[in-house]
Amino acid sequence: MSQLWLALQAGAQVLFAALLLGAGLPAIFALGMRSLAYGAGGTAEVAVESKPRPVGKVLAAVCFGVVVVAILLGISWIVGTGMGYSLVFDHLIPTFRKK
């Protein structure tokens, strides 16, 4: 019974990672694009209003920043693992540690 429970836990972790990275990052990027259109105003949106909205541009920058940081952390993890290091998050700052 414990083997089945461990298999289900591992499957749940894989599902969570797939949803976060496989669907989550593109969804955040899409939200950033939509926010950018909202921030531009005018004909960038469906409802035509001519005045731009700065809050849309700020939200777009935050969304794009999250996506860029996730991509950089992923590349760092892959390169570090290949070179014999592990990526650790001590005190919220990612650092490399020799394995």
Protein backbone atom coordinates (compact mmCIF):
# COMPACT_ATOMS: atom_id res chain seq x y z
CA MET A 1 0.00 0.00 0.00
CA SER A 2 2.87 2.37 0.74
CA GLN A 3 4.29 1.82 -2.78
CA LEU A 4 0.99 2.89 -4.29
CA TRP A 5 0.88 5.97 -2.07
CA LEU A 6 4.44 6.92 -3.05
CA ALA A 7 3.60 6.46 -6.72
CA LEU A 8 0.54 8.69 -6.38
CA GLN A 9 2.56 11.36 -4.58
CA ALA A 10 5.21 11.30 -7.31
CA GLY A 11 2.52 11.50 -9.97
CA ALA A 12 0.95 14.49 -8.22
CA GLN A 13 4.33 16.25 -8.13
CA VAL A 14 4.85 15.64 -11.84
CA LEU A 15 1.33 16.88 -12.57
CA PHE A 16 1.91 20.04 -10.52
CA ALA A 17 5.22 20.76 -12.29
CA ALA A 18 3.64 20.14 -15.70
CA LEU A 19 0.74 22.49 -14.94
CA LEU A 20 3.04 25.15 -13.55
CA LEU A 21 5.67 25.08 -16.27
CA GLY A 22 3.74 23.60 -19.18
CA ALA A 23 0.58 25.67 -18.92
CA GLY A 24 1.34 28.25 -16.24
CA LEU A 25 4.17 30.14 -17.91
CA PRO A 26 2.39 30.47 -21.26
CA ALA A 27 -0.73 31.63 -19.41
CA ILE A 28 1.28 34.28 -17.56
CA PHE A 29 2.83 35.36 -20.88
CA ALA A 30 -0.65 35.58 -22.45
CA LEU A 31 -1.85 37.66 -19.50
CA GLY A 32 1.14 39.95 -20.07
CA MET A 33 0.25 40.37 -23.74
CA ARG A 34 -3.36 41.13 -22.85
CA SER A 35 -2.22 43.64 -20.23
CA LEU A 36 0.05 45.27 -22.80
CA ALA A 37 -2.91 45.71 -25.14
CA TYR A 38 -4.96 47.09 -22.26
CA GLY A 39 -2.17 49.51 -21.43
CA ALA A 40 -1.83 50.72 -25.00
CA GLY A 41 -5.53 51.48 -25.37
CA GLY A 42 -6.90 52.63 -28.72
CA THR A 43 -7.29 49.96 -31.39
CA ALA A 44 -5.12 47.43 -29.52
CA GLU A 45 -8.25 46.29 -27.69
CA VAL A 46 -11.65 45.14 -28.83
CA ALA A 47 -13.40 48.10 -27.22
CA VAL A 48 -11.95 51.18 -28.89
CA GLU A 49 -10.87 53.77 -26.35
CA SER A 50 -8.14 56.19 -27.23
CA LYS A 51 -6.48 56.84 -23.89
CA PRO A 52 -3.67 54.53 -22.69
CA ARG A 53 -3.67 52.99 -19.23
CA PRO A 54 -0.31 52.85 -17.39
CA VAL A 55 -1.46 50.11 -15.01
CA GLY A 56 -1.69 47.71 -17.96
CA LYS A 57 1.92 48.35 -18.89
CA VAL A 58 3.06 47.82 -15.31
CA LEU A 59 1.13 44.54 -15.05
CA ALA A 60 2.60 43.43 -18.40
CA ALA A 61 6.12 44.19 -17.17
CA VAL A 62 5.51 42.14 -14.01
CA CYS A 63 4.17 39.20 -16.03
CA PHE A 64 7.06 39.27 -18.48
CA GLY A 65 9.52 39.58 -15.59
CA VAL A 66 8.11 36.45 -13.93
CA VAL A 67 8.42 34.51 -17.20
CA VAL A 68 12.00 35.68 -17.81
CA VAL A 69 13.07 34.80 -14.25
CA ALA A 70 11.51 31.33 -14.57
CA ILE A 71 13.31 30.74 -17.88
CA LEU A 72 16.65 31.92 -16.46
CA LEU A 73 16.26 29.70 -13.40
CA GLY A 74 15.44 26.73 -15.63
CA ILE A 75 18.49 27.29 -17.81
CA SER A 76 20.66 27.78 -14.71
CA TRP A 77 19.39 24.52 -13.22
CA ILE A 78 20.07 22.59 -16.44
CA VAL A 79 23.58 24.02 -16.92
CA GLY A 80 24.49 23.70 -13.25
CA THR A 81 23.37 20.08 -13.09
CA GLY A 82 25.40 19.26 -16.18
CA MET A 83 28.52 20.79 -14.64
CA GLY A 84 28.21 18.93 -11.33
CA TYR A 85 26.51 21.64 -9.29
CA SER A 86 23.09 21.85 -7.70
CA LEU A 87 20.93 24.95 -7.61
CA VAL A 88 19.87 25.76 -4.04
CA PHE A 89 17.65 28.53 -2.73
CA ASP A 90 19.21 29.49 0.60
CA HIS A 91 17.63 32.69 1.90
CA LEU A 92 15.61 33.11 -1.34
CA ILE A 93 18.74 33.73 -3.43
CA PRO A 94 19.55 30.99 -5.96
CA THR A 95 23.16 29.84 -5.68
CA PHE A 96 25.19 26.94 -7.03
CA ARG A 97 26.62 24.35 -4.66
CA LYS A 98 29.05 21.59 -5.55
CA LYS A 99 27.40 18.15 -5.39
